[in-house]
Amino acid sequence: MAQIIKIGNSQGIRIPKPIVELANLAGKELEFVVLGEGLLITAVKKPRAAWQIDNELMGLEIQWKW
């Protein structure tokens, strides 16, 4: 069970290690979404920054033929 604890002038969530490992959240930046009276915690998904660079290097060009 997670617990809300006091951290300075703020509050934090203490999540048990087995839950962190099960959800694969260790060392990741987290995103919080309020859903009704609950809270959804997920790892922030960052798009692959190299995609744009890869496309530029390959000189990809898309042509539509009808």
C-alpha atoms as a PDB file:
ATOM      1  CA  MET A   1       0.000   0.000   0.000  1.00  0.00           C
ATOM      2  CA  ALA A   2       1.357   3.462  -0.894  1.00  0.00           C
ATOM      3  CA  GLN A   3       1.482   6.160   1.754  1.00  0.00           C
ATOM      4  CA  ILE A   4       1.344   9.964   1.630  1.00  0.00           C
ATOM      5  CA  ILE A   5       4.154  11.461   3.728  1.00  0.00           C
ATOM      6  CA  LYS A   6       5.298  14.959   4.637  1.00  0.00           C
ATOM      7  CA  ILE A   7       8.404  16.149   2.759  1.00  0.00           C
ATOM      8  CA  GLY A   8       9.339  19.654   3.896  1.00  0.00           C
ATOM      9  CA  ASN A   9       6.345  21.905   3.177  1.00  0.00           C
ATOM     10  CA  SER A  10       5.000  19.444   0.603  1.00  0.00           C
ATOM     11  CA  GLN A  11       3.630  15.934   0.569  1.00  0.00           C
ATOM     12  CA  GLY A  12       4.958  12.909  -1.283  1.00  0.00           C
ATOM     13  CA  ILE A  13       3.894   9.396  -2.112  1.00  0.00           C
ATOM     14  CA  ARG A  14       5.877   6.492  -0.736  1.00  0.00           C
ATOM     15  CA  ILE A  15       5.429   3.552  -3.106  1.00  0.00           C
ATOM     16  CA  PRO A  16       6.656   0.111  -1.986  1.00  0.00           C
ATOM     17  CA  LYS A  17       9.614  -1.244  -3.962  1.00  0.00           C
ATOM     18  CA  PRO A  18       7.757  -4.344  -5.269  1.00  0.00           C
ATOM     19  CA  ILE A  19       5.112  -2.102  -6.870  1.00  0.00           C
ATOM     20  CA  VAL A  20       7.781   0.149  -8.426  1.00  0.00           C
ATOM     21  CA  GLU A  21       9.543  -2.913  -9.862  1.00  0.00           C
ATOM     22  CA  LEU A  22       6.321  -4.525 -11.059  1.00  0.00           C
ATOM     23  CA  ALA A  23       5.278  -1.318 -12.860  1.00  0.00           C
ATOM     24  CA  ASN A  24       8.831  -0.755 -14.172  1.00  0.00           C
ATOM     25  CA  LEU A  25       8.932   2.800 -12.752  1.00  0.00           C
ATOM     26  CA  ALA A  26      12.388   2.752 -11.120  1.00  0.00           C
ATOM     27  CA  GLY A  27      14.469   5.789 -12.071  1.00  0.00           C
ATOM     28  CA  LYS A  28      11.857   7.160 -14.479  1.00  0.00           C
ATOM     29  CA  GLU A  29      10.198  10.562 -14.618  1.00  0.00           C
ATOM     30  CA  LEU A  30       6.541  10.156 -13.681  1.00  0.00           C
ATOM     31  CA  GLU A  31       3.334  11.738 -14.920  1.00  0.00           C
ATOM     32  CA  PHE A  32       0.280  12.169 -12.684  1.00  0.00           C
ATOM     33  CA  VAL A  33      -3.305  12.272 -13.968  1.00  0.00           C
ATOM     34  CA  VAL A  34      -6.249  12.936 -11.649  1.00  0.00           C
ATOM     35  CA  LEU A  35      -9.171  10.628 -12.441  1.00  0.00           C
ATOM     36  CA  GLY A  36     -12.246  11.403 -10.390  1.00  0.00           C
ATOM     37  CA  GLU A  37     -11.178  10.658  -6.829  1.00  0.00           C
ATOM     38  CA  GLY A  38      -8.082   8.698  -7.882  1.00  0.00           C
ATOM     39  CA  LEU A  39      -4.630   9.259  -9.290  1.00  0.00           C
ATOM     40  CA  LEU A  40      -3.044   7.520 -12.292  1.00  0.00           C
ATOM     41  CA  ILE A  41       0.762   7.384 -12.151  1.00  0.00           C
ATOM     42  CA  THR A  42       2.639   6.454 -15.326  1.00  0.00           C
ATOM     43  CA  ALA A  43       6.165   6.803 -16.641  1.00  0.00           C
ATOM     44  CA  VAL A  44       6.584   9.761 -18.992  1.00  0.00           C
ATOM     45  CA  LYS A  45       6.819   8.502 -22.557  1.00  0.00           C
ATOM     46  CA  LYS A  46       9.351  10.478 -24.561  1.00  0.00           C
ATOM     47  CA  PRO A  47       9.283  10.187 -28.340  1.00  0.00           C
ATOM     48  CA  ARG A  48      12.468   8.917 -29.869  1.00  0.00           C
ATOM     49  CA  ALA A  49      14.487  12.079 -30.486  1.00  0.00           C
ATOM     50  CA  ALA A  50      16.653  10.333 -33.065  1.00  0.00           C
ATOM     51  CA  TRP A  51      13.729   9.740 -35.467  1.00  0.00           C
ATOM     52  CA  GLN A  52      13.894  13.262 -36.847  1.00  0.00           C
ATOM     53  CA  ILE A  53      17.667  13.047 -37.234  1.00  0.00           C
ATOM     54  CA  ASP A  54      17.414   9.616 -38.921  1.00  0.00           C
ATOM     55  CA  ASN A  55      14.856  10.906 -41.418  1.00  0.00           C
ATOM     56  CA  GLU A  56      16.942  13.976 -42.225  1.00  0.00           C
ATOM     57  CA  LEU A  57      20.073  11.899 -42.774  1.00  0.00           C
ATOM     58  CA  MET A  58      18.289   9.406 -45.001  1.00  0.00           C
ATOM     59  CA  GLY A  59      16.678  12.170 -47.043  1.00  0.00           C
ATOM     60  CA  LEU A  60      13.328  10.424 -47.011  1.00  0.00           C
ATOM     61  CA  GLU A  61      10.741  11.801 -49.355  1.00  0.00           C
ATOM     62  CA  ILE A  62       7.179  10.565 -49.551  1.00  0.00           C
ATOM     63  CA  GLN A  63       5.320  10.734 -52.848  1.00  0.00           C
ATOM     64  CA  TRP A  64       1.685   9.799 -53.135  1.00  0.00           C
ATOM     65  CA  LYS A  65       0.536   8.305 -56.417  1.00  0.00           C
ATOM     66  CA  TRP A  66      -3.171   8.028 -57.104  1.00  0.00           C
END
